[in-house]
Amino acid sequence: MSAGGYLLLIFFGAIALLVILLPLLSKRQTARSDFEVEFGKMPLVQQLAQEREAVLQALRDLEFDYQTGKLAQSDYLPQREALLARGAQLLRQLEQERERALEDAIRAARQSKET
């Protein structure tokens, strides 16, 4: 193949890669922006939400491995229970932090209204 052929191959390969990756990158950016708007400057809430997403992904992976036969039921059940328990704990913590943040915002609004 000539040098021109290699250049065309690289060019079309780069365009195909861009077409494939562009939707994935734009969705991540949108999700991150929505997350920042919803939670603002609450790093603990962000950390808990990220950990919750990681637990959900681990559950999906675990289920996939079990369904495809890569994981025995004796290994699957305890891992699943542990992940579900951690997910429930994270949801409780998230709810508490959101309530605390809401109460702080209400308190700040009332104080600014009084002064």
PDB file of N, CA and C in Angstrom:
ATOM      1  N   MET A   1       0.850  -1.170   0.000  1.00  0.00           N
ATOM      2  CA  MET A   1       0.000   0.000   0.000  1.00  0.00           C
ATOM      3  C   MET A   1       0.895   1.233   0.000  1.00  0.00           C
ATOM      4  N   SER A   2       0.462   2.254  -0.698  1.00  0.00           N
ATOM      5  CA  SER A   2       1.252   3.468  -0.805  1.00  0.00           C
ATOM      6  C   SER A   2       1.045   4.357   0.409  1.00  0.00           C
ATOM      7  N   ALA A   3       1.845   5.406   0.502  1.00  0.00           N
ATOM      8  CA  ALA A   3       1.752   6.346   1.625  1.00  0.00           C
ATOM      9  C   ALA A   3       0.391   7.037   1.627  1.00  0.00           C
ATOM     10  N   GLY A   4      -0.138   7.344   0.470  1.00  0.00           N
ATOM     11  CA  GLY A   4      -1.456   7.962   0.378  1.00  0.00           C
ATOM     12  C   GLY A   4      -2.553   7.040   0.899  1.00  0.00           C
ATOM     13  N   GLY A   5      -2.406   5.766   0.635  1.00  0.00           N
ATOM     14  CA  GLY A   5      -3.369   4.783   1.129  1.00  0.00           C
ATOM     15  C   GLY A   5      -3.352   4.707   2.643  1.00  0.00           C
ATOM     16  N   TYR A   6      -2.158   4.734   3.225  1.00  0.00           N
ATOM     17  CA  TYR A   6      -2.040   4.720   4.683  1.00  0.00           C
ATOM     18  C   TYR A   6      -2.641   5.982   5.308  1.00  0.00           C
ATOM     19  N   LEU A   7      -2.409   7.111   4.663  1.00  0.00           N
ATOM     20  CA  LEU A   7      -2.972   8.371   5.174  1.00  0.00           C
ATOM     21  C   LEU A   7      -4.500   8.340   5.141  1.00  0.00           C
ATOM     22  N   LEU A   8      -5.066   7.817   4.056  1.00  0.00           N
ATOM     23  CA  LEU A   8      -6.524   7.706   3.973  1.00  0.00           C
ATOM     24  C   LEU A   8      -7.062   6.754   5.035  1.00  0.00           C
ATOM     25  N   LEU A   9      -6.365   5.655   5.255  1.00  0.00           N
ATOM     26  CA  LEU A   9      -6.770   4.692   6.273  1.00  0.00           C
ATOM     27  C   LEU A   9      -6.758   5.329   7.664  1.00  0.00           C
ATOM     28  N   ILE A  10      -5.720   6.049   7.977  1.00  0.00           N
ATOM     29  CA  ILE A  10      -5.628   6.746   9.267  1.00  0.00           C
ATOM     30  C   ILE A  10      -6.712   7.803   9.384  1.00  0.00           C
ATOM     31  N   PHE A  11      -6.946   8.553   8.322  1.00  0.00           N
ATOM     32  CA  PHE A  11      -7.958   9.613   8.334  1.00  0.00           C
ATOM     33  C   PHE A  11      -9.347   9.048   8.600  1.00  0.00           C
ATOM     34  N   PHE A  12      -9.728   8.014   7.855  1.00  0.00           N
ATOM     35  CA  PHE A  12     -11.060   7.437   8.039  1.00  0.00           C
ATOM     36  C   PHE A  12     -11.180   6.711   9.377  1.00  0.00           C
ATOM     37  N   GLY A  13     -10.100   6.126   9.844  1.00  0.00           N
ATOM     38  CA  GLY A  13     -10.103   5.498  11.161  1.00  0.00           C
ATOM     39  C   GLY A  13     -10.329   6.520  12.271  1.00  0.00           C
ATOM     40  N   ALA A  14      -9.680   7.680  12.152  1.00  0.00           N
ATOM     41  CA  ALA A  14      -9.859   8.742  13.150  1.00  0.00           C
ATOM     42  C   ALA A  14     -11.288   9.271  13.136  1.00  0.00           C
ATOM     43  N   ILE A  15     -11.866   9.424  11.954  1.00  0.00           N
ATOM     44  CA  ILE A  15     -13.250   9.894  11.856  1.00  0.00           C
ATOM     45  C   ILE A  15     -14.200   8.867  12.473  1.00  0.00           C
ATOM     46  N   ALA A  16     -13.988   7.592  12.192  1.00  0.00           N
ATOM     47  CA  ALA A  16     -14.845   6.547  12.767  1.00  0.00           C
ATOM     48  C   ALA A  16     -14.730   6.539  14.284  1.00  0.00           C
ATOM     49  N   LEU A  17     -13.536   6.668  14.810  1.00  0.00           N
ATOM     50  CA  LEU A  17     -13.333   6.703  16.253  1.00  0.00           C
ATOM     51  C   LEU A  17     -14.025   7.915  16.866  1.00  0.00           C
ATOM     52  N   LEU A  18     -13.946   9.048  16.218  1.00  0.00           N
ATOM     53  CA  LEU A  18     -14.600  10.261  16.707  1.00  0.00           C
ATOM     54  C   LEU A  18     -16.120  10.093  16.713  1.00  0.00           C
ATOM     55  N   VAL A  19     -16.667   9.507  15.672  1.00  0.00           N
ATOM     56  CA  VAL A  19     -18.111   9.285  15.593  1.00  0.00           C
ATOM     57  C   VAL A  19     -18.576   8.350  16.703  1.00  0.00           C
ATOM     58  N   ILE A  20     -17.769   7.355  17.021  1.00  0.00           N
ATOM     59  CA  ILE A  20     -18.134   6.402  18.063  1.00  0.00           C
ATOM     60  C   ILE A  20     -18.026   7.024  19.452  1.00  0.00           C
ATOM     61  N   LEU A  21     -16.969   7.776  19.708  1.00  0.00           N
ATOM     62  CA  LEU A  21     -16.716   8.300  21.053  1.00  0.00           C
ATOM     63  C   LEU A  21     -17.456   9.592  21.374  1.00  0.00           C
ATOM     64  N   LEU A  22     -17.822  10.362  20.395  1.00  0.00           N
ATOM     65  CA  LEU A  22     -18.463  11.651  20.642  1.00  0.00           C
ATOM     66  C   LEU A  22     -19.743  11.547  21.465  1.00  0.00           C
ATOM     67  N   PRO A  23     -20.671  10.647  21.155  1.00  0.00           N
ATOM     68  CA  PRO A  23     -21.880  10.547  21.994  1.00  0.00           C
ATOM     69  C   PRO A  23     -21.572  10.126  23.429  1.00  0.00           C
ATOM     70  N   LEU A  24     -20.596   9.271  23.597  1.00  0.00           N
ATOM     71  CA  LEU A  24     -20.244   8.837  24.952  1.00  0.00           C
ATOM     72  C   LEU A  24     -19.679   9.986  25.768  1.00  0.00           C
ATOM     73  N   LEU A  25     -18.830  10.777  25.162  1.00  0.00           N
ATOM     74  CA  LEU A  25     -18.229  11.905  25.875  1.00  0.00           C
ATOM     75  C   LEU A  25     -19.248  12.988  26.180  1.00  0.00           C
ATOM     76  N   SER A  26     -20.157  13.252  25.268  1.00  0.00           N
ATOM     77  CA  SER A  26     -21.146  14.306  25.504  1.00  0.00           C
ATOM     78  C   SER A  26     -22.135  13.894  26.585  1.00  0.00           C
ATOM     79  N   LYS A  27     -22.501  12.615  26.691  1.00  0.00           N
ATOM     80  CA  LYS A  27     -23.402  12.155  27.749  1.00  0.00           C
ATOM     81  C   LYS A  27     -22.757  12.292  29.114  1.00  0.00           C
ATOM     82  N   ARG A  28     -21.484  11.959  29.215  1.00  0.00           N
ATOM     83  CA  ARG A  28     -20.785  12.097  30.488  1.00  0.00           C
ATOM     84  C   ARG A  28     -20.765  13.554  30.930  1.00  0.00           C
ATOM     85  N   GLN A  29     -20.500  14.444  30.029  1.00  0.00           N
ATOM     86  CA  GLN A  29     -20.437  15.861  30.370  1.00  0.00           C
ATOM     87  C   GLN A  29     -21.802  16.366  30.819  1.00  0.00           C
ATOM     88  N   THR A  30     -22.871  15.940  30.154  1.00  0.00           N
ATOM     89  CA  THR A  30     -24.215  16.348  30.533  1.00  0.00           C
ATOM     90  C   THR A  30     -24.575  15.816  31.906  1.00  0.00           C
ATOM     91  N   ALA A  31     -24.272  14.562  32.151  1.00  0.00           N
ATOM     92  CA  ALA A  31     -24.575  13.972  33.453  1.00  0.00           C
ATOM     93  C   ALA A  31     -23.812  14.688  34.558  1.00  0.00           C
ATOM     94  N   ARG A  32     -22.557  15.003  34.314  1.00  0.00           N
ATOM     95  CA  ARG A  32     -21.760  15.693  35.317  1.00  0.00           C
ATOM     96  C   ARG A  32     -22.339  17.084  35.575  1.00  0.00           C
ATOM     97  N   SER A  33     -22.758  17.782  34.540  1.00  0.00           N
ATOM     98  CA  SER A  33     -23.324  19.110  34.710  1.00  0.00           C
ATOM     99  C   SER A  33     -24.624  19.051  35.508  1.00  0.00           C
ATOM    100  N   ASP A  34     -25.502  18.096  35.207  1.00  0.00           N
ATOM    101  CA  ASP A  34     -26.743  17.943  35.953  1.00  0.00           C
ATOM    102  C   ASP A  34     -26.453  17.658  37.418  1.00  0.00           C
ATOM    103  N   PHE A  35     -25.458  16.836  37.670  1.00  0.00           N
ATOM    104  CA  PHE A  35     -25.091  16.475  39.029  1.00  0.00           C
ATOM    105  C   PHE A  35     -24.613  17.713  39.784  1.00  0.00           C
ATOM    106  N   GLU A  36     -23.772  18.532  39.141  1.00  0.00           N
ATOM    107  CA  GLU A  36     -23.254  19.720  39.801  1.00  0.00           C
ATOM    108  C   GLU A  36     -24.358  20.731  40.076  1.00  0.00           C
ATOM    109  N   VAL A  37     -25.318  20.861  39.176  1.00  0.00           N
ATOM    110  CA  VAL A  37     -26.425  21.789  39.392  1.00  0.00           C
ATOM    111  C   VAL A  37     -27.276  21.316  40.561  1.00  0.00           C
ATOM    112  N   GLU A  38     -27.528  20.021  40.649  1.00  0.00           N
ATOM    113  CA  GLU A  38     -28.397  19.500  41.694  1.00  0.00           C
ATOM    114  C   GLU A  38     -27.754  19.601  43.070  1.00  0.00           C
ATOM    115  N   PHE A  39     -26.474  19.293  43.172  1.00  0.00           N
ATOM    116  CA  PHE A  39     -25.854  19.216  44.483  1.00  0.00           C
ATOM    117  C   PHE A  39     -24.934  20.390  44.810  1.00  0.00           C
ATOM    118  N   GLY A  40     -24.589  21.201  43.842  1.00  0.00           N
ATOM    119  CA  GLY A  40     -23.779  22.380  44.117  1.00  0.00           C
ATOM    120  C   GLY A  40     -22.455  22.042  44.766  1.00  0.00           C
ATOM    121  N   LYS A  41     -22.227  22.631  45.939  1.00  0.00           N
ATOM    122  CA  LYS A  41     -20.937  22.501  46.614  1.00  0.00           C
ATOM    123  C   LYS A  41     -21.029  21.576  47.811  1.00  0.00           C
ATOM    124  N   MET A  42     -21.539  20.379  47.617  1.00  0.00           N
ATOM    125  CA  MET A  42     -21.673  19.419  48.711  1.00  0.00           C
ATOM    126  C   MET A  42     -20.797  18.208  48.407  1.00  0.00           C
ATOM    127  N   PRO A  43     -19.520  18.266  48.765  1.00  0.00           N
ATOM    128  CA  PRO A  43     -18.622  17.182  48.393  1.00  0.00           C
ATOM    129  C   PRO A  43     -19.006  15.835  49.001  1.00  0.00           C
ATOM    130  N   LEU A  44     -19.544  15.809  50.216  1.00  0.00           N
ATOM    131  CA  LEU A  44     -19.921  14.539  50.821  1.00  0.00           C
ATOM    132  C   LEU A  44     -21.052  13.890  50.027  1.00  0.00           C
ATOM    133  N   VAL A  45     -22.015  14.679  49.612  1.00  0.00           N
ATOM    134  CA  VAL A  45     -23.124  14.144  48.812  1.00  0.00           C
ATOM    135  C   VAL A  45     -22.595  13.622  47.482  1.00  0.00           C
ATOM    136  N   GLN A  46     -21.684  14.343  46.876  1.00  0.00           N
ATOM    137  CA  GLN A  46     -21.103  13.891  45.611  1.00  0.00           C
ATOM    138  C   GLN A  46     -20.349  12.585  45.803  1.00  0.00           C
ATOM    139  N   GLN A  47     -19.599  12.504  46.881  1.00  0.00           N
ATOM    140  CA  GLN A  47     -18.846  11.282  47.156  1.00  0.00           C
ATOM    141  C   GLN A  47     -19.796  10.107  47.374  1.00  0.00           C
ATOM    142  N   LEU A  48     -20.847  10.315  48.140  1.00  0.00           N
ATOM    143  CA  LEU A  48     -21.815   9.240  48.395  1.00  0.00           C
ATOM    144  C   LEU A  48     -22.525   8.821  47.111  1.00  0.00           C
ATOM    145  N   ALA A  49     -22.884   9.794  46.280  1.00  0.00           N
ATOM    146  CA  ALA A  49     -23.566   9.481  45.024  1.00  0.00           C
ATOM    147  C   ALA A  49     -22.650   8.699  44.085  1.00  0.00           C
ATOM    148  N   GLN A  50     -21.377   9.066  44.050  1.00  0.00           N
ATOM    149  CA  GLN A  50     -20.433   8.338  43.205  1.00  0.00           C
ATOM    150  C   GLN A  50     -20.236   6.915  43.712  1.00  0.00           C
ATOM    151  N   GLU A  51     -20.162   6.770  45.022  1.00  0.00           N
ATOM    152  CA  GLU A  51     -20.008   5.430  45.581  1.00  0.00           C
ATOM    153  C   GLU A  51     -21.253   4.590  45.301  1.00  0.00           C
ATOM    154  N   ARG A  52     -22.416   5.208  45.363  1.00  0.00           N
ATOM    155  CA  ARG A  52     -23.662   4.506  45.055  1.00  0.00           C
ATOM    156  C   ARG A  52     -23.654   4.009  43.610  1.00  0.00           C
ATOM    157  N   GLU A  53     -23.196   4.854  42.694  1.00  0.00           N
ATOM    158  CA  GLU A  53     -23.098   4.441  41.291  1.00  0.00           C
ATOM    159  C   GLU A  53     -22.119   3.282  41.126  1.00  0.00           C
ATOM    160  N   ALA A  54     -21.021   3.311  41.881  1.00  0.00           N
ATOM    161  CA  ALA A  54     -20.044   2.225  41.815  1.00  0.00           C
ATOM    162  C   ALA A  54     -20.646   0.920  42.330  1.00  0.00           C
ATOM    163  N   VAL A  55     -21.444   1.001  43.392  1.00  0.00           N
ATOM    164  CA  VAL A  55     -22.100  -0.191  43.930  1.00  0.00           C
ATOM    165  C   VAL A  55     -23.102  -0.736  42.915  1.00  0.00           C
ATOM    166  N   LEU A  56     -23.858   0.143  42.283  1.00  0.00           N
ATOM    167  CA  LEU A  56     -24.816  -0.308  41.262  1.00  0.00           C
ATOM    168  C   LEU A  56     -24.105  -0.989  40.098  1.00  0.00           C
ATOM    169  N   GLN A  57     -22.988  -0.432  39.679  1.00  0.00           N
ATOM    170  CA  GLN A  57     -22.227  -1.047  38.588  1.00  0.00           C
ATOM    171  C   GLN A  57     -21.664  -2.402  39.015  1.00  0.00           C
ATOM    172  N   ALA A  58     -21.195  -2.482  40.248  1.00  0.00           N
ATOM    173  CA  ALA A  58     -20.686  -3.768  40.761  1.00  0.00           C
ATOM    174  C   ALA A  58     -21.803  -4.809  40.798  1.00  0.00           C
ATOM    175  N   LEU A  59     -23.004  -4.388  41.168  1.00  0.00           N
ATOM    176  CA  LEU A  59     -24.149  -5.314  41.157  1.00  0.00           C
ATOM    177  C   LEU A  59     -24.457  -5.792  39.739  1.00  0.00           C
ATOM    178  N   ARG A  60     -24.409  -4.881  38.787  1.00  0.00           N
ATOM    179  CA  ARG A  60     -24.650  -5.270  37.387  1.00  0.00           C
ATOM    180  C   ARG A  60     -23.597  -6.272  36.913  1.00  0.00           C
ATOM    181  N   ASP A  61     -22.339  -5.978  37.233  1.00  0.00           N
ATOM    182  CA  ASP A  61     -21.258  -6.873  36.828  1.00  0.00           C
ATOM    183  C   ASP A  61     -21.393  -8.242  37.493  1.00  0.00           C
ATOM    184  N   LEU A  62     -21.727  -8.231  38.772  1.00  0.00           N
ATOM    185  CA  LEU A  62     -21.902  -9.479  39.507  1.00  0.00           C
ATOM    186  C   LEU A  62     -23.033 -10.314  38.904  1.00  0.00           C
ATOM    187  N   GLU A  63     -24.137  -9.665  38.595  1.00  0.00           N
ATOM    188  CA  GLU A  63     -25.283 -10.356  37.993  1.00  0.00           C
ATOM    189  C   GLU A  63     -24.904 -10.936  36.629  1.00  0.00           C
ATOM    190  N   PHE A  64     -24.176 -10.160  35.849  1.00  0.00           N
ATOM    191  CA  PHE A  64     -23.737 -10.628  34.537  1.00  0.00           C
ATOM    192  C   PHE A  64     -22.834 -11.856  34.679  1.00  0.00           C
ATOM    193  N   ASP A  65     -21.879 -11.787  35.601  1.00  0.00           N
ATOM    194  CA  ASP A  65     -20.978 -12.916  35.800  1.00  0.00           C
ATOM    195  C   ASP A  65     -21.735 -14.157  36.255  1.00  0.00           C
ATOM    196  N   TYR A  66     -22.721 -13.979  37.093  1.00  0.00           N
ATOM    197  CA  TYR A  66     -23.521 -15.112  37.563  1.00  0.00           C
ATOM    198  C   TYR A  66     -24.354 -15.694  36.416  1.00  0.00           C
ATOM    199  N   GLN A  67     -24.997 -14.829  35.642  1.00  0.00           N
ATOM    200  CA  GLN A  67     -25.840 -15.283  34.536  1.00  0.00           C
ATOM    201  C   GLN A  67     -25.039 -15.997  33.451  1.00  0.00           C
ATOM    202  N   THR A  68     -23.804 -15.584  33.253  1.00  0.00           N
ATOM    203  CA  THR A  68     -22.976 -16.211  32.217  1.00  0.00           C
ATOM    204  C   THR A  68     -22.226 -17.429  32.730  1.00  0.00           C
ATOM    205  N   GLY A  69     -22.387 -17.756  34.006  1.00  0.00           N
ATOM    206  CA  GLY A  69     -21.762 -18.950  34.552  1.00  0.00           C
ATOM    207  C   GLY A  69     -20.339 -18.762  35.027  1.00  0.00           C
ATOM    208  N   LYS A  70     -19.866 -17.548  35.083  1.00  0.00           N
ATOM    209  CA  LYS A  70     -18.508 -17.290  35.548  1.00  0.00           C
ATOM    210  C   LYS A  70     -18.405 -17.323  37.069  1.00  0.00           C
ATOM    211  N   LEU A  71     -19.550 -17.291  37.738  1.00  0.00           N
ATOM    212  CA  LEU A  71     -19.576 -17.205  39.186  1.00  0.00           C
ATOM    213  C   LEU A  71     -20.553 -18.239  39.731  1.00  0.00           C
ATOM    214  N   ALA A  72     -20.126 -18.989  40.729  1.00  0.00           N
ATOM    215  CA  ALA A  72     -20.992 -19.994  41.344  1.00  0.00           C
ATOM    216  C   ALA A  72     -21.994 -19.315  42.278  1.00  0.00           C
ATOM    217  N   GLN A  73     -23.120 -19.971  42.492  1.00  0.00           N
ATOM    218  CA  GLN A  73     -24.155 -19.411  43.352  1.00  0.00           C
ATOM    219  C   GLN A  73     -23.644 -19.206  44.780  1.00  0.00           C
ATOM    220  N   SER A  74     -22.780 -20.098  45.236  1.00  0.00           N
ATOM    221  CA  SER A  74     -22.234 -19.979  46.594  1.00  0.00           C
ATOM    222  C   SER A  74     -21.374 -18.726  46.747  1.00  0.00           C
ATOM    223  N   ASP A  75     -20.788 -18.245  45.669  1.00  0.00           N
ATOM    224  CA  ASP A  75     -20.016 -16.992  45.704  1.00  0.00           C
ATOM    225  C   ASP A  75     -20.909 -15.789  45.416  1.00  0.00           C
ATOM    226  N   TYR A  76     -21.885 -16.001  44.548  1.00  0.00           N
ATOM    227  CA  TYR A  76     -22.761 -14.918  44.099  1.00  0.00           C
ATOM    228  C   TYR A  76     -23.628 -14.356  45.229  1.00  0.00           C
ATOM    229  N   LEU A  77     -24.295 -15.225  45.958  1.00  0.00           N
ATOM    230  CA  LEU A  77     -25.257 -14.766  46.972  1.00  0.00           C
ATOM    231  C   LEU A  77     -24.632 -13.900  48.066  1.00  0.00           C
ATOM    232  N   PRO A  78     -23.517 -14.294  48.690  1.00  0.00           N
ATOM    233  CA  PRO A  78     -22.949 -13.416  49.730  1.00  0.00           C
ATOM    234  C   PRO A  78     -22.464 -12.074  49.185  1.00  0.00           C
ATOM    235  N   GLN A  79     -21.894 -12.095  47.991  1.00  0.00           N
ATOM    236  CA  GLN A  79     -21.433 -10.839  47.396  1.00  0.00           C
ATOM    237  C   GLN A  79     -22.610  -9.924  47.074  1.00  0.00           C
ATOM    238  N   ARG A  80     -23.669 -10.518  46.559  1.00  0.00           N
ATOM    239  CA  ARG A  80     -24.868  -9.744  46.231  1.00  0.00           C
ATOM    240  C   ARG A  80     -25.464  -9.116  47.488  1.00  0.00           C
ATOM    241  N   GLU A  81     -25.577  -9.906  48.549  1.00  0.00           N
ATOM    242  CA  GLU A  81     -26.129  -9.391  49.808  1.00  0.00           C
ATOM    243  C   GLU A  81     -25.280  -8.255  50.369  1.00  0.00           C
ATOM    244  N   ALA A  82     -23.967  -8.403  50.298  1.00  0.00           N
ATOM    245  CA  ALA A  82     -23.068  -7.354  50.797  1.00  0.00           C
ATOM    246  C   ALA A  82     -23.226  -6.063  49.987  1.00  0.00           C
ATOM    247  N   LEU A  83     -23.323  -6.202  48.668  1.00  0.00           N
ATOM    248  CA  LEU A  83     -23.498  -5.011  47.827  1.00  0.00           C
ATOM    249  C   LEU A  83     -24.861  -4.359  48.061  1.00  0.00           C
ATOM    250  N   LEU A  84     -25.899  -5.154  48.214  1.00  0.00           N
ATOM    251  CA  LEU A  84     -27.225  -4.594  48.491  1.00  0.00           C
ATOM    252  C   LEU A  84     -27.246  -3.862  49.840  1.00  0.00           C
ATOM    253  N   ALA A  85     -26.593  -4.441  50.835  1.00  0.00           N
ATOM    254  CA  ALA A  85     -26.541  -3.792  52.147  1.00  0.00           C
ATOM    255  C   ALA A  85     -25.783  -2.473  52.061  1.00  0.00           C
ATOM    256  N   ARG A  86     -24.674  -2.462  51.338  1.00  0.00           N
ATOM    257  CA  ARG A  86     -23.906  -1.216  51.186  1.00  0.00           C
ATOM    258  C   ARG A  86     -24.717  -0.182  50.406  1.00  0.00           C
ATOM    259  N   GLY A  87     -25.421  -0.596  49.388  1.00  0.00           N
ATOM    260  CA  GLY A  87     -26.262   0.316  48.620  1.00  0.00           C
ATOM    261  C   GLY A  87     -27.354   0.925  49.473  1.00  0.00           C
ATOM    262  N   ALA A  88     -27.987   0.117  50.324  1.00  0.00           N
ATOM    263  CA  ALA A  88     -29.035   0.637  51.212  1.00  0.00           C
ATOM    264  C   ALA A  88     -28.453   1.634  52.212  1.00  0.00           C
ATOM    265  N   GLN A  89     -27.276   1.320  52.726  1.00  0.00           N
ATOM    266  CA  GLN A  89     -26.617   2.238  53.670  1.00  0.00           C
ATOM    267  C   GLN A  89     -26.295   3.567  52.988  1.00  0.00           C
ATOM    268  N   LEU A  90     -25.815   3.505  51.764  1.00  0.00           N
ATOM    269  CA  LEU A  90     -25.495   4.731  51.024  1.00  0.00           C
ATOM    270  C   LEU A  90     -26.747   5.563  50.753  1.00  0.00           C
ATOM    271  N   LEU A  91     -27.852   4.896  50.428  1.00  0.00           N
ATOM    272  CA  LEU A  91     -29.097   5.629  50.194  1.00  0.00           C
ATOM    273  C   LEU A  91     -29.563   6.354  51.453  1.00  0.00           C
ATOM    274  N   ARG A  92     -29.440   5.686  52.604  1.00  0.00           N
ATOM    275  CA  ARG A  92     -29.814   6.333  53.871  1.00  0.00           C
ATOM    276  C   ARG A  92     -28.920   7.545  54.140  1.00  0.00           C
ATOM    277  N   GLN A  93     -27.622   7.392  53.928  1.00  0.00           N
ATOM    278  CA  GLN A  93     -26.699   8.501  54.147  1.00  0.00           C
ATOM    279  C   GLN A  93     -26.981   9.657  53.193  1.00  0.00           C
ATOM    280  N   LEU A  94     -27.252   9.329  51.933  1.00  0.00           N
ATOM    281  CA  LEU A  94     -27.576  10.373  50.956  1.00  0.00           C
ATOM    282  C   LEU A  94     -28.824  11.152  51.378  1.00  0.00           C
ATOM    283  N   GLU A  95     -29.844  10.439  51.808  1.00  0.00           N
ATOM    284  CA  GLU A  95     -31.077  11.093  52.232  1.00  0.00           C
ATOM    285  C   GLU A  95     -30.818  12.010  53.428  1.00  0.00           C
ATOM    286  N   GLN A  96     -30.035  11.547  54.387  1.00  0.00           N
ATOM    287  CA  GLN A  96     -29.719  12.367  55.559  1.00  0.00           C
ATOM    288  C   GLN A  96     -28.955  13.621  55.160  1.00  0.00           C
ATOM    289  N   GLU A  97     -27.978  13.473  54.275  1.00  0.00           N
ATOM    290  CA  GLU A  97     -27.194  14.631  53.844  1.00  0.00           C
ATOM    291  C   GLU A  97     -28.044  15.619  53.049  1.00  0.00           C
ATOM    292  N   ARG A  98     -28.935  15.121  52.221  1.00  0.00           N
ATOM    293  CA  ARG A  98     -29.815  16.014  51.453  1.00  0.00           C
ATOM    294  C   ARG A  98     -30.758  16.769  52.381  1.00  0.00           C
ATOM    295  N   GLU A  99     -31.303  16.074  53.382  1.00  0.00           N
ATOM    296  CA  GLU A  99     -32.171  16.741  54.358  1.00  0.00           C
ATOM    297  C   GLU A  99     -31.396  17.791  55.137  1.00  0.00           C
ATOM    298  N   ARG A 100     -30.178  17.467  55.548  1.00  0.00           N
ATOM    299  CA  ARG A 100     -29.349  18.419  56.279  1.00  0.00           C
ATOM    300  C   ARG A 100     -29.051  19.655  55.417  1.00  0.00           C
ATOM    301  N   ALA A 101     -28.741  19.443  54.158  1.00  0.00           N
ATOM    302  CA  ALA A 101     -28.451  20.552  53.256  1.00  0.00           C
ATOM    303  C   ALA A 101     -29.688  21.427  53.050  1.00  0.00           C
ATOM    304  N   LEU A 102     -30.843  20.797  52.931  1.00  0.00           N
ATOM    305  CA  LEU A 102     -32.080  21.552  52.764  1.00  0.00           C
ATOM    306  C   LEU A 102     -32.372  22.378  54.007  1.00  0.00           C
ATOM    307  N   GLU A 103     -32.200  21.778  55.180  1.00  0.00           N
ATOM    308  CA  GLU A 103     -32.418  22.513  56.423  1.00  0.00           C
ATOM    309  C   GLU A 103     -31.452  23.684  56.556  1.00  0.00           C
ATOM    310  N   ASP A 104     -30.198  23.474  56.174  1.00  0.00           N
ATOM    311  CA  ASP A 104     -29.219  24.563  56.213  1.00  0.00           C
ATOM    312  C   ASP A 104     -29.611  25.690  55.265  1.00  0.00           C
ATOM    313  N   ALA A 105     -30.101  25.338  54.095  1.00  0.00           N
ATOM    314  CA  ALA A 105     -30.514  26.357  53.127  1.00  0.00           C
ATOM    315  C   ALA A 105     -31.714  27.143  53.641  1.00  0.00           C
ATOM    316  N   ILE A 106     -32.663  26.450  54.262  1.00  0.00           N
ATOM    317  CA  ILE A 106     -33.837  27.130  54.829  1.00  0.00           C
ATOM    318  C   ILE A 106     -33.408  28.059  55.959  1.00  0.00           C
ATOM    319  N   ARG A 107     -32.529  27.558  56.828  1.00  0.00           N
ATOM    320  CA  ARG A 107     -32.040  28.367  57.942  1.00  0.00           C
ATOM    321  C   ARG A 107     -31.314  29.615  57.437  1.00  0.00           C
ATOM    322  N   ALA A 108     -30.486  29.462  56.417  1.00  0.00           N
ATOM    323  CA  ALA A 108     -29.756  30.600  55.855  1.00  0.00           C
ATOM    324  C   ALA A 108     -30.712  31.605  55.221  1.00  0.00           C
ATOM    325  N   ALA A 109     -31.744  31.106  54.544  1.00  0.00           N
ATOM    326  CA  ALA A 109     -32.723  32.010  53.932  1.00  0.00           C
ATOM    327  C   ALA A 109     -33.490  32.786  54.993  1.00  0.00           C
ATOM    328  N   ARG A 110     -33.837  32.122  56.077  1.00  0.00           N
ATOM    329  CA  ARG A 110     -34.552  32.807  57.154  1.00  0.00           C
ATOM    330  C   ARG A 110     -33.672  33.850  57.819  1.00  0.00           C
ATOM    331  N   GLN A 111     -32.403  33.523  58.030  1.00  0.00           N
ATOM    332  CA  GLN A 111     -31.487  34.479  58.651  1.00  0.00           C
ATOM    333  C   GLN A 111     -31.266  35.695  57.764  1.00  0.00           C
ATOM    334  N   SER A 112     -31.144  35.468  56.468  1.00  0.00           N
ATOM    335  CA  SER A 112     -30.937  36.607  55.553  1.00  0.00           C
ATOM    336  C   SER A 112     -32.201  37.450  55.458  1.00  0.00           C
ATOM    337  N   LYS A 113     -33.347  36.843  55.638  1.00  0.00           N
ATOM    338  CA  LYS A 113     -34.612  37.571  55.592  1.00  0.00           C
ATOM    339  C   LYS A 113     -34.793  38.423  56.846  1.00  0.00           C
ATOM    340  N   GLU A 114     -34.302  37.936  57.997  1.00  0.00           N
ATOM    341  CA  GLU A 114     -34.421  38.658  59.263  1.00  0.00           C
ATOM    342  C   GLU A 114     -33.499  39.870  59.324  1.00  0.00           C
ATOM    343  N   THR A 115     -32.378  39.808  58.643  1.00  0.00           N
ATOM    344  CA  THR A 115     -31.421  40.935  58.710  1.00  0.00           C
ATOM    345  C   THR A 115     -31.586  41.916  57.606  1.00  0.00           C
TER     346      THR A 115
END
